[in-house]
N, C-alpha and C. Protein backbone atom coordinates (compact mmCIF):
# COMPACT_ATOMS: atom_id res chain seq x y z
N MET A 1 -49.54 113.31 15.55
CA MET A 1 -48.26 112.44 15.72
C MET A 1 -47.68 112.64 17.09
N ALA A 2 -47.36 111.62 17.81
CA ALA A 2 -46.85 111.71 19.11
C ALA A 2 -45.33 111.88 18.99
N GLU A 3 -44.75 112.74 20.03
CA GLU A 3 -43.33 112.93 20.00
C GLU A 3 -42.82 113.13 21.39
N PRO A 4 -42.07 112.32 22.04
CA PRO A 4 -41.53 112.52 23.32
C PRO A 4 -40.66 113.65 23.26
N GLY A 5 -40.52 114.48 24.34
CA GLY A 5 -39.63 115.56 24.33
C GLY A 5 -38.22 115.20 24.32
N ALA A 6 -37.39 116.00 23.70
CA ALA A 6 -35.91 115.76 23.69
C ALA A 6 -35.22 117.10 23.38
N ASP A 7 -33.96 117.05 23.72
CA ASP A 7 -33.14 118.22 23.54
C ASP A 7 -31.85 117.85 22.69
N GLY A 8 -31.34 118.72 21.90
CA GLY A 8 -30.07 118.42 21.25
C GLY A 8 -30.16 117.59 20.02
N GLY A 9 -29.02 117.20 19.61
CA GLY A 9 -28.91 116.31 18.34
C GLY A 9 -29.13 117.00 17.01
N GLU A 10 -29.02 118.36 17.01
CA GLU A 10 -29.44 118.98 15.85
C GLU A 10 -28.44 118.67 14.59
N GLY A 11 -27.20 118.25 14.93
CA GLY A 11 -26.17 118.08 13.93
C GLY A 11 -26.31 116.69 13.18
N PHE A 12 -27.13 115.83 13.63
CA PHE A 12 -27.21 114.48 13.11
C PHE A 12 -27.66 114.51 11.63
N LEU A 13 -28.45 115.48 11.24
CA LEU A 13 -28.97 115.56 9.81
C LEU A 13 -28.23 116.70 9.04
N SER A 14 -27.15 117.18 9.62
CA SER A 14 -26.37 118.26 8.90
C SER A 14 -25.63 117.76 7.62
N SER A 15 -25.29 118.61 6.75
CA SER A 15 -24.71 118.20 5.52
C SER A 15 -23.38 117.41 5.76
N GLY A 16 -22.69 117.89 6.78
CA GLY A 16 -21.36 117.08 7.16
C GLY A 16 -21.72 115.62 7.58
N SER A 17 -22.76 115.54 8.39
CA SER A 17 -23.18 114.18 8.90
C SER A 17 -23.66 113.35 7.70
N GLU A 18 -24.43 113.94 6.88
CA GLU A 18 -24.91 113.22 5.65
C GLU A 18 -23.75 112.69 4.74
N ARG A 19 -22.69 113.52 4.56
CA ARG A 19 -21.60 113.20 3.74
C ARG A 19 -20.86 111.99 4.43
N ARG A 20 -20.71 112.03 5.72
CA ARG A 20 -20.02 110.95 6.39
C ARG A 20 -20.84 109.65 6.36
N CYS A 21 -22.08 109.73 6.60
CA CYS A 21 -22.90 108.60 6.53
C CYS A 21 -22.99 107.92 5.13
N ARG A 22 -23.14 108.84 4.23
CA ARG A 22 -23.15 108.35 2.76
C ARG A 22 -21.90 107.57 2.38
N ALA A 23 -20.71 108.12 2.81
CA ALA A 23 -19.47 107.50 2.54
C ALA A 23 -19.39 106.17 3.24
N ARG A 24 -19.71 106.10 4.51
CA ARG A 24 -19.67 104.86 5.25
C ARG A 24 -20.57 103.85 4.71
N LEU A 25 -21.76 104.12 4.27
CA LEU A 25 -22.73 103.18 3.64
C LEU A 25 -22.25 102.71 2.33
N ALA A 26 -21.70 103.62 1.51
CA ALA A 26 -21.21 103.37 0.28
C ALA A 26 -19.89 102.23 0.29
N ALA A 27 -19.10 102.55 1.31
CA ALA A 27 -17.94 101.73 1.58
C ALA A 27 -18.33 100.29 1.93
N ALA A 28 -19.42 100.14 2.62
CA ALA A 28 -19.91 98.82 3.02
C ALA A 28 -20.74 98.06 1.99
N ALA A 29 -21.12 98.87 0.87
CA ALA A 29 -21.99 98.30 -0.08
C ALA A 29 -21.38 97.05 -0.73
N GLY A 30 -20.04 97.09 -0.96
CA GLY A 30 -19.37 96.04 -1.74
C GLY A 30 -19.21 94.66 -0.97
N ARG A 31 -19.62 94.76 0.42
CA ARG A 31 -19.46 93.59 1.25
C ARG A 31 -20.73 92.81 1.41
N ARG A 32 -21.83 93.29 0.67
CA ARG A 32 -23.08 92.68 0.90
C ARG A 32 -23.12 91.38 0.02
N GLY A 33 -24.00 90.46 0.37
CA GLY A 33 -24.10 89.21 -0.37
C GLY A 33 -25.23 89.38 -1.40
N ALA A 34 -26.08 88.28 -1.55
CA ALA A 34 -27.12 88.27 -2.54
C ALA A 34 -28.25 89.36 -2.22
N ALA A 35 -28.90 89.70 -3.25
CA ALA A 35 -30.02 90.69 -3.11
C ALA A 35 -31.04 90.28 -2.04
N ALA A 36 -31.50 91.26 -1.30
CA ALA A 36 -32.43 90.97 -0.22
C ALA A 36 -33.85 90.82 -0.84
N ALA A 37 -34.65 89.88 -0.24
CA ALA A 37 -36.00 89.59 -0.68
C ALA A 37 -36.96 90.67 -0.29
N ALA A 38 -36.62 91.54 0.64
CA ALA A 38 -37.54 92.55 1.14
C ALA A 38 -36.71 93.81 1.52
N ALA A 39 -37.38 94.87 1.72
CA ALA A 39 -36.75 96.20 2.09
C ALA A 39 -37.61 97.07 2.94
N VAL A 40 -37.01 97.81 3.80
CA VAL A 40 -37.74 98.82 4.59
C VAL A 40 -37.02 100.14 4.38
N LEU A 41 -37.80 101.24 4.47
CA LEU A 41 -37.22 102.66 4.51
C LEU A 41 -37.01 102.94 6.00
N VAL A 42 -35.79 103.50 6.24
CA VAL A 42 -35.50 104.08 7.69
C VAL A 42 -35.59 105.57 7.55
N PRO A 43 -36.75 106.14 7.87
CA PRO A 43 -37.10 107.56 7.56
C PRO A 43 -36.54 108.53 8.66
N LEU A 44 -35.50 109.14 8.29
CA LEU A 44 -34.97 110.33 9.15
C LEU A 44 -35.79 111.39 8.76
N CYS A 45 -35.96 112.29 9.82
CA CYS A 45 -36.76 113.51 9.49
C CYS A 45 -36.39 114.49 10.70
N SER A 46 -36.97 115.65 10.50
CA SER A 46 -36.86 116.67 11.65
C SER A 46 -38.24 117.09 12.01
N VAL A 47 -38.41 117.18 13.39
CA VAL A 47 -39.82 117.71 13.86
C VAL A 47 -39.47 118.91 14.81
N ARG A 48 -40.03 120.05 14.23
CA ARG A 48 -39.70 121.34 14.98
C ARG A 48 -38.25 121.56 15.04
N GLY A 49 -37.40 121.26 14.07
CA GLY A 49 -35.92 121.44 14.09
C GLY A 49 -35.24 120.29 14.75
N ARG A 50 -35.81 119.30 15.36
CA ARG A 50 -35.12 118.31 15.99
C ARG A 50 -35.05 116.90 15.24
N PRO A 51 -33.88 116.40 15.04
CA PRO A 51 -33.71 115.17 14.27
C PRO A 51 -34.49 113.98 14.89
N ALA A 52 -35.19 113.27 14.15
CA ALA A 52 -36.07 112.14 14.58
C ALA A 52 -36.09 111.06 13.71
N LEU A 53 -36.61 109.88 14.10
CA LEU A 53 -36.99 108.75 13.23
C LEU A 53 -38.49 108.65 13.20
N LEU A 54 -38.95 108.31 12.09
CA LEU A 54 -40.37 108.15 11.79
C LEU A 54 -40.71 106.70 11.77
N PHE A 55 -41.72 106.26 12.62
CA PHE A 55 -42.14 104.79 12.74
C PHE A 55 -43.65 104.76 12.29
N THR A 56 -44.05 103.54 11.97
CA THR A 56 -45.42 103.32 11.76
C THR A 56 -45.84 102.20 12.69
N LEU A 57 -47.11 102.08 12.88
CA LEU A 57 -47.78 101.00 13.67
C LEU A 57 -48.61 100.22 12.58
N ARG A 58 -48.24 98.97 12.34
CA ARG A 58 -48.88 98.20 11.32
C ARG A 58 -50.27 97.96 11.61
N SER A 59 -51.19 98.06 10.69
CA SER A 59 -52.64 97.82 10.82
C SER A 59 -52.92 96.43 11.29
N ARG A 60 -53.80 96.32 12.20
CA ARG A 60 -54.29 94.98 12.60
C ARG A 60 -55.11 94.30 11.56
N ARG A 61 -55.61 95.05 10.53
CA ARG A 61 -56.26 94.49 9.45
C ARG A 61 -55.41 93.50 8.62
N LEU A 62 -54.01 93.62 8.75
CA LEU A 62 -53.13 92.93 7.91
C LEU A 62 -53.11 91.45 8.39
N GLY A 63 -53.30 91.19 9.69
CA GLY A 63 -53.14 89.90 10.20
C GLY A 63 -51.75 89.46 10.10
N GLY A 64 -51.43 88.19 10.45
CA GLY A 64 -49.99 87.72 10.38
C GLY A 64 -49.29 88.12 11.53
N PRO A 65 -47.98 87.64 11.65
CA PRO A 65 -47.10 87.84 12.80
C PRO A 65 -46.76 89.26 13.11
N HIS A 66 -46.76 90.22 12.08
CA HIS A 66 -46.38 91.59 12.36
C HIS A 66 -47.51 92.48 12.53
N SER A 67 -48.78 92.07 12.54
CA SER A 67 -49.92 92.88 12.74
C SER A 67 -49.80 93.61 14.02
N GLY A 68 -50.08 94.93 14.04
CA GLY A 68 -50.02 95.65 15.32
C GLY A 68 -48.60 96.02 15.80
N ASP A 69 -47.51 95.66 15.04
CA ASP A 69 -46.18 95.96 15.47
C ASP A 69 -45.71 97.32 15.03
N VAL A 70 -44.80 97.94 15.79
CA VAL A 70 -44.11 99.00 15.41
C VAL A 70 -43.18 98.62 14.22
N SER A 71 -43.16 99.51 13.22
CA SER A 71 -42.22 99.06 11.98
C SER A 71 -41.83 100.30 11.23
N PHE A 72 -40.98 100.04 10.20
CA PHE A 72 -40.73 101.05 9.19
C PHE A 72 -41.52 100.68 7.97
N PRO A 73 -41.70 101.65 7.12
CA PRO A 73 -42.47 101.32 5.79
C PRO A 73 -41.57 100.38 5.07
N GLY A 74 -42.26 99.24 4.52
CA GLY A 74 -41.42 98.34 3.78
C GLY A 74 -42.30 97.01 3.46
N GLY A 75 -41.64 96.16 2.77
CA GLY A 75 -42.26 94.91 2.37
C GLY A 75 -41.50 94.14 1.36
N ARG A 76 -42.06 93.10 0.74
CA ARG A 76 -41.29 92.29 -0.14
C ARG A 76 -41.09 92.91 -1.50
N ARG A 77 -39.94 92.46 -2.03
CA ARG A 77 -39.57 93.03 -3.29
C ARG A 77 -40.48 92.51 -4.47
N ASP A 78 -40.88 93.55 -5.26
CA ASP A 78 -41.73 93.22 -6.45
C ASP A 78 -40.74 92.84 -7.61
N PRO A 79 -41.25 91.93 -8.50
CA PRO A 79 -40.45 91.68 -9.82
C PRO A 79 -40.06 92.98 -10.53
N ALA A 80 -40.96 93.97 -10.51
CA ALA A 80 -40.65 95.26 -11.15
C ALA A 80 -39.68 96.10 -10.53
N ASP A 81 -39.34 95.87 -9.24
CA ASP A 81 -38.36 96.71 -8.45
C ASP A 81 -36.99 96.44 -8.99
N GLY A 82 -36.21 97.49 -9.28
CA GLY A 82 -34.91 97.31 -9.74
C GLY A 82 -33.93 96.89 -8.61
N ASP A 83 -34.11 97.36 -7.39
CA ASP A 83 -33.28 96.98 -6.35
C ASP A 83 -34.00 97.24 -5.01
N ALA A 84 -33.28 97.15 -3.93
CA ALA A 84 -33.87 97.32 -2.55
C ALA A 84 -34.39 98.80 -2.34
N VAL A 85 -33.69 99.73 -2.96
CA VAL A 85 -34.06 101.12 -2.81
C VAL A 85 -35.40 101.30 -3.52
N ALA A 86 -35.59 100.71 -4.76
CA ALA A 86 -36.83 100.81 -5.39
C ALA A 86 -38.00 100.21 -4.63
N THR A 87 -37.70 99.08 -3.91
CA THR A 87 -38.67 98.45 -3.05
C THR A 87 -39.06 99.33 -1.88
N ALA A 88 -38.12 99.85 -1.20
CA ALA A 88 -38.39 100.70 -0.04
C ALA A 88 -39.13 101.96 -0.44
N LEU A 89 -38.78 102.60 -1.59
CA LEU A 89 -39.52 103.86 -2.04
C LEU A 89 -40.96 103.53 -2.43
N ARG A 90 -41.16 102.41 -3.11
CA ARG A 90 -42.44 102.06 -3.51
C ARG A 90 -43.37 101.73 -2.25
N GLU A 91 -42.79 100.99 -1.37
CA GLU A 91 -43.58 100.62 -0.11
C GLU A 91 -43.94 101.80 0.60
N THR A 92 -43.05 102.84 0.70
CA THR A 92 -43.22 104.12 1.35
C THR A 92 -44.42 104.91 0.70
N ARG A 93 -44.38 104.83 -0.67
CA ARG A 93 -45.44 105.48 -1.39
C ARG A 93 -46.87 104.85 -1.06
N GLU A 94 -46.83 103.56 -1.09
CA GLU A 94 -48.05 102.67 -0.89
C GLU A 94 -48.51 102.91 0.55
N GLU A 95 -47.72 102.93 1.48
CA GLU A 95 -48.20 102.99 2.86
C GLU A 95 -48.42 104.34 3.49
N LEU A 96 -47.57 105.30 2.91
CA LEU A 96 -47.78 106.69 3.58
C LEU A 96 -48.15 107.77 2.47
N GLY A 97 -48.27 107.36 1.22
CA GLY A 97 -48.62 108.29 0.22
C GLY A 97 -47.51 109.35 -0.06
N LEU A 98 -46.26 108.96 0.22
CA LEU A 98 -45.18 109.92 0.18
C LEU A 98 -44.23 109.49 -0.92
N GLU A 99 -44.10 110.42 -1.82
CA GLU A 99 -43.20 110.21 -3.08
C GLU A 99 -41.82 110.80 -2.77
N LEU A 100 -40.89 109.86 -2.70
CA LEU A 100 -39.51 110.33 -2.38
C LEU A 100 -38.69 109.99 -3.65
N GLY A 101 -37.74 110.85 -3.86
CA GLY A 101 -36.79 110.71 -5.01
C GLY A 101 -35.51 110.06 -4.50
N ALA A 102 -34.67 109.59 -5.45
CA ALA A 102 -33.43 108.94 -5.12
C ALA A 102 -32.46 109.90 -4.28
N PRO A 103 -32.46 111.23 -4.56
CA PRO A 103 -31.57 112.03 -3.74
C PRO A 103 -31.77 112.05 -2.27
N SER A 104 -33.05 111.61 -1.87
CA SER A 104 -33.35 111.53 -0.35
C SER A 104 -32.65 110.36 0.30
N VAL A 105 -32.24 109.34 -0.59
CA VAL A 105 -31.69 108.15 -0.03
C VAL A 105 -30.18 108.39 0.28
N TRP A 106 -29.74 108.04 1.45
CA TRP A 106 -28.33 108.09 1.81
C TRP A 106 -27.54 106.82 1.61
N GLY A 107 -28.25 105.67 1.59
CA GLY A 107 -27.59 104.40 1.43
C GLY A 107 -28.35 103.28 2.13
N GLN A 108 -27.67 102.13 2.22
CA GLN A 108 -28.22 100.91 2.66
C GLN A 108 -27.54 100.39 3.83
N LEU A 109 -28.21 99.95 4.92
CA LEU A 109 -27.52 99.32 6.08
C LEU A 109 -27.44 97.83 5.55
N ARG A 110 -26.65 97.07 6.43
CA ARG A 110 -26.54 95.71 6.01
C ARG A 110 -27.90 94.93 6.15
N PRO A 111 -28.03 93.96 5.15
CA PRO A 111 -29.29 93.13 5.27
C PRO A 111 -29.45 92.35 6.52
N LEU A 112 -30.66 92.21 7.09
CA LEU A 112 -30.84 91.49 8.24
C LEU A 112 -31.94 90.33 8.12
N PRO A 113 -31.80 89.24 8.75
CA PRO A 113 -32.70 88.15 8.66
C PRO A 113 -34.07 88.46 9.45
N ASP A 114 -35.13 88.01 8.73
CA ASP A 114 -36.44 88.19 9.53
C ASP A 114 -37.37 87.06 8.93
N ARG A 115 -37.52 86.04 9.73
CA ARG A 115 -38.54 85.00 9.44
C ARG A 115 -38.18 84.40 8.08
N GLY A 116 -36.94 84.02 7.83
CA GLY A 116 -36.49 83.32 6.65
C GLY A 116 -36.18 84.27 5.40
N LEU A 117 -36.44 85.57 5.57
CA LEU A 117 -36.18 86.56 4.54
C LEU A 117 -35.00 87.43 4.91
N MET A 118 -34.23 87.83 3.86
CA MET A 118 -33.28 89.00 4.14
C MET A 118 -33.91 90.24 3.91
N VAL A 119 -33.83 91.15 4.83
CA VAL A 119 -34.45 92.46 4.68
C VAL A 119 -33.32 93.55 4.58
N ALA A 120 -33.42 94.42 3.56
CA ALA A 120 -32.47 95.51 3.35
C ALA A 120 -33.01 96.87 3.95
N PRO A 121 -32.34 97.40 5.02
CA PRO A 121 -32.84 98.70 5.49
C PRO A 121 -32.24 99.85 4.61
N VAL A 122 -33.06 100.69 4.08
CA VAL A 122 -32.61 101.84 3.26
C VAL A 122 -32.76 103.14 3.97
N VAL A 123 -31.71 103.78 4.24
CA VAL A 123 -31.73 105.08 5.04
C VAL A 123 -32.02 106.22 4.08
N ALA A 124 -33.01 107.15 4.51
CA ALA A 124 -33.32 108.21 3.68
C ALA A 124 -33.75 109.39 4.61
N ASN A 125 -33.51 110.63 4.14
CA ASN A 125 -33.90 111.79 4.94
C ASN A 125 -35.11 112.43 4.32
N LEU A 126 -36.23 112.42 4.99
CA LEU A 126 -37.50 112.99 4.54
C LEU A 126 -37.50 114.52 4.61
N GLY A 127 -36.56 115.17 5.39
CA GLY A 127 -36.70 116.56 5.63
C GLY A 127 -37.55 116.99 6.83
N ALA A 128 -38.01 118.14 6.78
CA ALA A 128 -38.91 118.59 7.88
C ALA A 128 -40.30 117.96 7.79
N LEU A 129 -40.72 117.31 8.80
CA LEU A 129 -42.02 116.70 8.77
C LEU A 129 -43.16 117.63 8.59
N GLU A 130 -43.04 118.87 9.06
CA GLU A 130 -44.02 119.82 8.93
C GLU A 130 -44.27 120.31 7.47
N ASP A 131 -43.36 119.93 6.63
CA ASP A 131 -43.49 120.30 5.18
C ASP A 131 -44.06 119.17 4.42
N LEU A 132 -44.33 118.06 5.01
CA LEU A 132 -44.81 116.79 4.24
C LEU A 132 -46.28 116.67 4.52
N MET A 133 -46.93 116.06 3.45
CA MET A 133 -48.32 115.67 3.50
C MET A 133 -48.42 114.20 3.53
N LEU A 134 -48.59 113.60 4.68
CA LEU A 134 -48.63 112.11 4.71
C LEU A 134 -50.09 111.69 4.61
N THR A 135 -50.34 110.61 3.89
CA THR A 135 -51.69 110.06 3.76
C THR A 135 -51.64 108.59 3.98
N PRO A 136 -51.51 108.20 5.24
CA PRO A 136 -51.31 106.73 5.51
C PRO A 136 -52.51 105.88 4.94
N ASN A 137 -52.14 104.78 4.45
CA ASN A 137 -53.08 103.83 3.94
C ASN A 137 -53.69 103.04 5.19
N PRO A 138 -54.98 103.15 5.47
CA PRO A 138 -55.48 102.54 6.71
C PRO A 138 -55.51 101.07 6.69
N ASP A 139 -55.38 100.46 5.44
CA ASP A 139 -55.28 99.01 5.38
C ASP A 139 -53.94 98.50 5.80
N GLU A 140 -52.95 99.35 5.89
CA GLU A 140 -51.66 98.95 6.12
C GLU A 140 -51.07 99.59 7.43
N VAL A 141 -51.47 100.82 7.66
CA VAL A 141 -50.85 101.66 8.72
C VAL A 141 -51.95 102.13 9.65
N GLU A 142 -51.78 101.77 10.92
CA GLU A 142 -52.65 102.21 11.95
C GLU A 142 -52.32 103.55 12.60
N GLU A 143 -51.07 103.83 12.61
CA GLU A 143 -50.57 105.12 13.23
C GLU A 143 -49.21 105.43 12.73
N VAL A 144 -48.89 106.77 12.67
CA VAL A 144 -47.55 107.26 12.27
C VAL A 144 -47.01 108.07 13.51
N PHE A 145 -45.90 107.87 13.95
CA PHE A 145 -45.42 108.63 15.07
C PHE A 145 -43.86 108.70 14.95
N THR A 146 -43.17 109.70 15.65
CA THR A 146 -41.85 109.93 15.57
C THR A 146 -41.26 109.84 17.07
N MET A 147 -39.93 109.56 17.03
CA MET A 147 -39.15 109.64 18.28
C MET A 147 -37.87 110.33 17.99
N PRO A 148 -37.58 111.34 18.76
CA PRO A 148 -36.36 112.26 18.50
C PRO A 148 -35.18 111.32 18.62
N LEU A 149 -34.09 111.51 17.92
CA LEU A 149 -32.85 110.81 18.09
C LEU A 149 -32.33 111.00 19.48
N ALA A 150 -32.40 112.24 20.00
CA ALA A 150 -31.89 112.45 21.36
C ALA A 150 -32.60 111.50 22.35
N HIS A 151 -33.92 111.34 22.25
CA HIS A 151 -34.68 110.42 23.05
C HIS A 151 -34.12 108.96 22.95
N LEU A 152 -33.88 108.49 21.75
CA LEU A 152 -33.40 107.17 21.54
C LEU A 152 -31.98 106.87 22.02
N LEU A 153 -31.22 108.10 22.16
CA LEU A 153 -29.79 107.92 22.51
C LEU A 153 -29.72 107.95 24.07
N ARG A 154 -30.76 108.27 24.89
CA ARG A 154 -30.65 108.34 26.22
C ARG A 154 -30.67 106.90 26.79
N GLU A 155 -29.77 106.55 27.73
CA GLU A 155 -29.75 105.22 28.21
C GLU A 155 -30.96 104.74 28.95
N GLU A 156 -31.65 105.66 29.54
CA GLU A 156 -32.84 105.31 30.21
C GLU A 156 -34.04 104.88 29.32
N ASN A 157 -33.87 105.10 28.12
CA ASN A 157 -34.87 104.75 27.09
C ASN A 157 -34.40 103.44 26.34
N GLN A 158 -33.35 102.96 26.69
CA GLN A 158 -32.75 101.72 26.02
C GLN A 158 -32.86 100.62 26.91
N GLY A 159 -33.28 99.43 26.29
CA GLY A 159 -33.36 98.12 27.03
C GLY A 159 -32.76 97.01 26.23
N TYR A 160 -32.89 95.81 26.75
CA TYR A 160 -32.45 94.60 25.91
C TYR A 160 -33.27 93.44 26.38
N THR A 161 -33.25 92.43 25.62
CA THR A 161 -33.90 91.17 25.90
C THR A 161 -32.91 89.98 25.57
N HIS A 162 -32.78 89.11 26.41
CA HIS A 162 -31.91 87.97 26.22
C HIS A 162 -32.77 86.83 25.59
N PHE A 163 -32.13 86.09 24.73
CA PHE A 163 -32.84 84.85 24.21
C PHE A 163 -31.89 83.67 24.33
N ARG A 164 -32.43 82.43 24.33
CA ARG A 164 -31.57 81.32 24.37
C ARG A 164 -32.09 80.24 23.27
N THR A 165 -31.19 79.49 22.87
CA THR A 165 -31.40 78.32 21.97
C THR A 165 -30.84 77.07 22.56
N ALA A 166 -31.52 76.05 22.42
CA ALA A 166 -31.07 74.67 22.88
C ALA A 166 -30.61 74.72 24.32
N GLY A 167 -31.41 75.45 25.17
CA GLY A 167 -31.18 75.61 26.50
C GLY A 167 -29.99 76.42 27.03
N ARG A 168 -29.31 77.16 26.07
CA ARG A 168 -28.25 78.03 26.55
C ARG A 168 -28.38 79.42 25.90
N TYR A 169 -27.58 80.36 26.41
CA TYR A 169 -27.71 81.80 25.94
C TYR A 169 -27.40 81.70 24.41
N GLY A 170 -28.27 82.53 23.64
CA GLY A 170 -28.10 82.58 22.30
C GLY A 170 -27.71 83.98 21.82
N TYR A 171 -28.53 84.98 22.12
CA TYR A 171 -28.20 86.30 21.65
C TYR A 171 -29.15 87.32 22.35
N THR A 172 -28.72 88.67 22.26
CA THR A 172 -29.38 89.74 22.89
C THR A 172 -29.84 90.66 21.82
N LEU A 173 -31.11 91.24 21.94
CA LEU A 173 -31.72 92.22 21.06
C LEU A 173 -32.13 93.41 21.77
N PRO A 174 -32.07 94.53 21.12
CA PRO A 174 -32.44 95.80 21.80
C PRO A 174 -33.94 96.07 21.85
N VAL A 175 -34.29 96.95 22.84
CA VAL A 175 -35.68 97.48 22.92
C VAL A 175 -35.54 98.98 23.22
N PHE A 176 -36.37 99.78 22.62
CA PHE A 176 -36.45 101.27 22.90
C PHE A 176 -37.69 101.63 23.55
N LEU A 177 -37.57 102.27 24.66
CA LEU A 177 -38.73 102.38 25.64
C LEU A 177 -39.05 103.87 25.79
N ASN A 178 -40.24 104.09 26.52
CA ASN A 178 -40.70 105.35 27.01
C ASN A 178 -41.07 106.25 25.88
N GLY A 179 -41.51 105.72 24.70
CA GLY A 179 -42.04 106.55 23.62
C GLY A 179 -43.57 106.21 23.50
N PRO A 180 -44.17 106.65 22.42
CA PRO A 180 -45.62 106.24 22.23
C PRO A 180 -45.85 104.82 22.17
N HIS A 181 -44.81 104.02 21.64
CA HIS A 181 -44.99 102.60 21.59
C HIS A 181 -43.57 101.99 21.81
N LYS A 182 -43.50 100.80 22.32
CA LYS A 182 -42.20 100.15 22.48
C LYS A 182 -41.70 99.76 21.17
N VAL A 183 -40.45 99.99 20.92
CA VAL A 183 -39.84 99.61 19.58
C VAL A 183 -39.06 98.37 19.87
N TRP A 184 -39.28 97.17 19.21
CA TRP A 184 -38.58 95.98 19.49
C TRP A 184 -38.49 95.15 18.24
N GLY A 185 -37.89 93.95 18.28
CA GLY A 185 -37.81 93.06 17.04
C GLY A 185 -36.85 93.74 16.03
N LEU A 186 -37.20 93.33 14.82
CA LEU A 186 -36.30 93.78 13.76
C LEU A 186 -36.27 95.38 13.60
N THR A 187 -37.36 95.98 13.95
CA THR A 187 -37.31 97.42 13.86
C THR A 187 -36.34 98.00 14.91
N ALA A 188 -36.24 97.46 16.08
CA ALA A 188 -35.25 97.90 17.13
C ALA A 188 -33.87 97.71 16.60
N ILE A 189 -33.64 96.50 15.98
CA ILE A 189 -32.22 96.23 15.51
C ILE A 189 -31.88 97.30 14.42
N ILE A 190 -32.77 97.59 13.57
CA ILE A 190 -32.45 98.57 12.55
C ILE A 190 -32.32 99.93 13.20
N THR A 191 -33.14 100.29 14.20
CA THR A 191 -32.84 101.46 14.92
C THR A 191 -31.50 101.63 15.54
N GLU A 192 -31.05 100.53 16.06
CA GLU A 192 -29.82 100.45 16.78
C GLU A 192 -28.67 100.72 15.73
N LEU A 193 -28.74 100.04 14.54
CA LEU A 193 -27.79 100.26 13.53
C LEU A 193 -27.74 101.71 13.04
N THR A 194 -28.94 102.24 12.94
CA THR A 194 -28.98 103.66 12.50
C THR A 194 -28.35 104.58 13.48
N LEU A 195 -28.60 104.34 14.80
CA LEU A 195 -27.97 105.20 15.83
C LEU A 195 -26.47 105.03 15.75
N GLU A 196 -25.97 103.83 15.56
CA GLU A 196 -24.53 103.61 15.45
C GLU A 196 -23.89 104.44 14.20
N LEU A 197 -24.75 104.43 13.06
CA LEU A 197 -24.28 105.19 11.97
C LEU A 197 -24.28 106.68 12.20
N LEU A 198 -25.39 107.24 12.87
CA LEU A 198 -25.48 108.64 13.03
C LEU A 198 -24.51 109.16 14.13
N ALA A 199 -24.51 108.44 15.16
CA ALA A 199 -23.82 108.90 16.44
C ALA A 199 -22.77 107.89 16.93
N PRO A 200 -21.70 107.57 16.16
CA PRO A 200 -20.78 106.66 16.54
C PRO A 200 -20.12 106.99 17.90
N GLY A 201 -19.97 108.24 18.18
CA GLY A 201 -19.34 108.60 19.46
C GLY A 201 -20.19 108.46 20.60
N ARG A 202 -21.60 108.38 20.48
CA ARG A 202 -22.50 108.49 21.55
C ARG A 202 -23.30 107.20 21.72
N TYR A 203 -23.43 106.34 20.65
CA TYR A 203 -24.24 105.18 20.83
C TYR A 203 -23.25 103.92 20.68
N HIS A 204 -23.20 103.14 21.62
CA HIS A 204 -22.37 101.84 21.56
C HIS A 204 -23.29 100.66 21.76
N ARG A 205 -23.33 99.84 20.73
CA ARG A 205 -24.19 98.65 20.81
C ARG A 205 -23.89 97.78 22.05
N LYS A 206 -24.98 97.46 22.74
CA LYS A 206 -24.87 96.58 23.88
C LYS A 206 -25.48 95.12 23.59
N THR A 207 -25.84 94.88 22.33
CA THR A 207 -26.54 93.74 21.95
C THR A 207 -25.68 92.82 21.10
N HIS A 208 -26.01 91.57 20.98
CA HIS A 208 -25.39 90.60 20.08
C HIS A 208 -26.53 90.14 19.21
N VAL A 209 -26.55 90.45 17.87
CA VAL A 209 -27.54 90.03 16.97
C VAL A 209 -27.20 88.78 16.34
N PRO A 210 -28.07 87.77 16.25
CA PRO A 210 -27.72 86.43 15.67
C PRO A 210 -27.41 86.58 14.19
N PRO A 211 -26.53 85.74 13.67
CA PRO A 211 -26.18 85.81 12.22
C PRO A 211 -27.40 85.39 11.34
N ARG A 212 -28.24 84.62 11.79
CA ARG A 212 -29.44 84.25 11.06
C ARG A 212 -30.62 84.22 12.03
N SER A 213 -31.80 83.96 11.50
CA SER A 213 -32.97 84.04 12.33
C SER A 213 -33.24 82.59 12.91
N PRO A 214 -32.75 82.31 14.21
CA PRO A 214 -32.90 81.08 14.75
C PRO A 214 -34.29 80.82 15.39
N SER A 215 -34.65 79.65 15.69
CA SER A 215 -35.83 79.37 16.50
C SER A 215 -35.44 79.47 17.99
N ALA A 216 -35.90 80.50 18.55
CA ALA A 216 -35.38 80.81 19.95
C ALA A 216 -36.55 80.94 20.91
N ARG A 217 -36.18 80.87 22.11
CA ARG A 217 -37.09 81.00 23.33
C ARG A 217 -36.79 82.16 24.16
N HIS A 218 -37.73 82.96 24.60
CA HIS A 218 -37.43 84.13 25.31
C HIS A 218 -36.81 83.69 26.71
N LEU A 219 -35.78 84.32 27.09
CA LEU A 219 -35.16 84.01 28.40
C LEU A 219 -35.46 85.05 29.46
N GLU A 220 -35.10 86.32 29.25
CA GLU A 220 -35.47 87.40 30.20
C GLU A 220 -35.26 88.69 29.56
N GLY A 221 -35.94 89.73 30.05
CA GLY A 221 -35.82 91.10 29.65
C GLY A 221 -35.47 92.03 30.76
N SER A 222 -34.61 92.94 30.54
CA SER A 222 -34.29 93.93 31.64
C SER A 222 -33.80 95.20 30.99
N SER A 223 -33.66 96.24 31.81
CA SER A 223 -33.17 97.51 31.22
C SER A 223 -31.73 97.48 31.12
N ALA A 224 -31.26 98.21 29.95
CA ALA A 224 -29.83 98.25 29.71
C ALA A 224 -29.11 99.08 30.69
């Protein structure tokens, strides 16, 4: 597993930070609309004592628009799934062979649109990565890697891309750079919301996310 070097950030996964984040996510839960049709797990973890996010590279065997993309474990909700948390935990088990219990889950970020579906990001703490045995499913996952939160919080590793609709500016989305793979699209939006949750005093969103998934054309990309 690749990991860019980083320093600091040890407090992001502390018990105090967990309590604050759980309370904030619980307070926002009542403002959500209809149940999401899909869910992803946002896997917090520590690597050699440093807080990090775990990402996957989707297998090219899958085909489709997300083949080969950086992502979080997740997928569509099954009829047997009780809620978005159940979907995220099931998909994580199927993709990474990792069995997580409900106590690992901190809460749910606001659902986001993706190609006509609403996707619920479920934040969970995996604990120390060295203590876990991951068995990625090669039919779904090509690679597993981590990026330290301290790396993601550095401005030189943050970028943005502008999009326009109907010939005029529409919205701006984040990009995270200088890691094993570029993090963009829905995964970058979720990463940004996670950084806002964990480090409200250090990370300030520079992007404007559209309220729904529009048909848009790329305008330009540049460093933040």
